Protein backbone atom coordinates (compact mmCIF):
# COMPACT_ATOMS: atom_id res chain seq x y z
CA MET A 1 139.52 165.13 82.74
CA THR A 2 141.41 168.28 81.75
CA ARG A 3 144.72 166.72 82.86
CA PHE A 4 143.99 163.62 80.80
CA ILE A 5 143.33 165.69 77.69
CA ALA A 6 146.46 167.78 78.29
CA THR A 7 148.53 164.61 78.73
CA MET A 8 147.13 163.10 75.55
CA LEU A 9 147.82 166.28 73.58
CA SER A 10 151.39 166.35 74.86
CA ALA A 11 151.92 162.72 73.85
CA VAL A 12 150.48 163.31 70.38
CA THR A 13 152.66 166.38 69.92
CA PHE A 14 155.79 164.52 71.03
CA PHE A 15 155.23 161.51 68.78
CA SER A 16 154.27 163.60 65.77
CA SER A 17 157.39 165.75 66.17
CA THR A 18 159.51 162.59 66.41
CA ALA A 19 157.94 161.23 63.23
CA PHE A 20 158.52 164.59 61.52
CA ALA A 21 162.16 164.56 62.56
CA GLN A 22 162.61 161.08 61.09
CA LYS A 23 161.00 162.10 57.81
CA SER A 24 163.16 165.20 57.81
CA ASP A 25 166.33 163.10 58.27
CA LEU A 26 165.38 160.91 55.31
CA ALA A 27 164.60 163.93 53.13
CA ILE A 28 167.95 165.51 54.00
CA LEU A 29 169.79 162.27 53.27
CA LYS A 30 168.00 161.77 49.96
CA LYS A 31 169.04 165.26 48.90
CA ASN A 32 172.64 165.01 50.10
CA LEU A 33 173.24 161.50 48.77
CA SER A 34 171.79 162.13 45.31
CA ALA A 35 175.29 162.33 43.77
CA TRP A 36 175.77 158.64 44.59
CA GLN A 37 172.39 157.77 43.04
CA PRO A 38 171.27 155.39 45.79
CA ILE A 39 168.69 152.80 44.82
CA GLU A 40 166.96 153.19 48.16
CA ILE A 41 167.19 155.10 51.41
CA SER A 42 164.94 153.62 54.05
CA GLN A 43 164.41 153.67 57.77
CA LYS A 44 163.35 150.88 60.09
CA GLU A 45 162.94 152.10 63.65
CA SER A 46 166.21 153.86 64.54
CA GLN A 47 168.28 152.44 61.68
CA ILE A 48 168.72 153.89 58.21
CA THR A 49 169.86 151.84 55.21
CA VAL A 50 171.36 153.37 52.09
CA VAL A 51 171.44 150.96 49.14
CA SER A 52 174.14 151.82 46.62
CA PRO A 53 173.78 150.99 42.92
CA ASP A 54 177.22 149.37 43.07
CA ALA A 55 177.72 145.60 43.21
CA LYS A 56 180.67 146.10 45.58
CA ILE A 57 181.05 148.52 48.47
CA ASP A 58 184.57 149.22 49.64
CA ASP A 59 185.80 151.43 52.46
CA GLU A 60 186.51 154.32 50.06
CA ILE A 61 182.93 154.46 48.77
CA TYR A 62 181.59 154.07 52.30
CA THR A 63 183.86 156.81 53.67
CA ALA A 64 182.88 159.20 50.86
CA ILE A 65 179.15 158.60 51.35
CA ILE A 66 179.32 159.04 55.12
CA SER A 67 181.75 161.97 55.16
CA SER A 68 180.45 163.96 52.21
CA GLY A 69 176.80 162.94 52.18
CA VAL A 70 175.78 162.15 55.74
CA CYS A 71 178.10 164.19 57.98
CA SER A 72 178.99 167.29 55.94
CA PRO A 73 175.59 169.00 56.47
CA ILE A 74 176.26 168.86 60.23
CA TRP A 75 179.65 170.49 59.77
CA THR A 76 178.23 173.28 57.62
CA ASN A 77 175.18 173.81 59.86
CA ASP A 78 172.83 173.06 56.94
CA VAL A 79 170.55 170.81 59.00
CA PRO A 80 168.27 171.19 62.02
CA ALA A 81 169.87 170.71 65.43
CA GLY A 82 168.25 167.28 65.92
CA TYR A 83 169.46 165.82 62.61
CA LEU A 84 170.20 162.09 63.09
CA SER A 85 169.81 162.38 66.87
CA GLY A 86 167.34 159.48 67.03
CA ILE A 87 169.32 157.30 64.62
CA THR A 88 171.46 154.54 66.12
CA GLN A 89 172.95 153.20 62.90
CA ILE A 90 173.36 154.04 59.22
CA SER A 91 174.20 151.15 56.91
CA VAL A 92 175.56 151.57 53.39
CA THR A 93 175.05 148.38 51.38
CA ASN A 94 175.66 147.07 47.89
CA LYS A 95 172.76 146.85 45.44
CA PHE A 96 171.95 143.33 46.61
CA LYS A 97 171.72 144.44 50.26
CA GLY A 98 174.09 141.60 51.00
CA PHE A 99 177.23 143.41 52.13
CA GLY A 100 178.29 146.83 53.31
CA TYR A 101 179.31 148.86 56.32
CA SER A 102 177.37 150.27 59.27
CA LEU A 103 178.16 153.39 61.27
CA VAL A 104 176.93 153.37 64.86
CA ASN A 105 175.74 156.57 66.58
CA PRO A 106 176.09 158.69 63.42
CA SER A 107 175.14 162.00 65.04
CA VAL A 108 177.81 161.70 67.73
CA ILE A 109 180.46 160.36 65.36
CA CYS A 110 179.79 163.01 62.69
CA ASN A 111 180.15 165.74 65.32
CA GLN A 112 183.45 164.24 66.52
CA MET A 113 184.74 163.94 62.96
CA GLY A 114 183.91 167.57 62.24
CA LYS A 115 186.43 168.68 64.85
CA LEU A 116 189.30 166.67 63.37
CA MET A 117 191.58 166.72 60.36
CA LYS A 118 190.80 164.26 57.54
CA ASN A 119 193.08 161.37 58.59
CA GLU A 120 192.03 161.53 62.23
CA ALA A 121 188.37 161.82 61.20
CA ASN A 122 188.70 158.68 59.06
CA VAL A 123 190.16 156.81 62.04
CA VAL A 124 187.16 157.83 64.16
CA LEU A 125 184.76 156.87 61.35
CA LEU A 126 186.25 153.45 60.71
CA GLY A 127 186.66 152.83 64.44
CA ASN A 128 182.89 153.18 64.83
CA THR A 129 182.04 151.09 61.79
CA HIS A 130 181.25 147.41 61.54
CA LEU A 131 180.56 145.13 58.60
CA TYR A 132 176.99 144.83 57.40
CA THR A 133 175.80 141.43 56.22
CA LYS A 134 172.41 140.42 54.92
CA ASP A 135 171.56 138.52 58.10
CA GLN A 136 171.73 141.63 60.27
């Protein structure tokens, strides 16, 4: 019986820390993306969606949001070690949630970008980006 209780406590601790990490990621993103005044920042499972107030999203807006808002706290060590580690994709969409761009494996890609100069970092970013459409 003691093993069962210990196992249950471990499971509860693990899942609650995972939920805390996800809430922490969203709080960090909301703070760091405030300059772009997103309409919404939400998470569904391991995917985060950032809804821009703009009717159109181009690669310049997307690159600025990801580089300056999402990745820069990793580069400046302003976030916990596990920031974005459970996130498989971050999508930046227009205000209609109909079109945008999605970055896969943001934690890994942000860390790679932080070791490169701007042009090379943009190549890595766009090389790990795909188009977001409403039907995704």
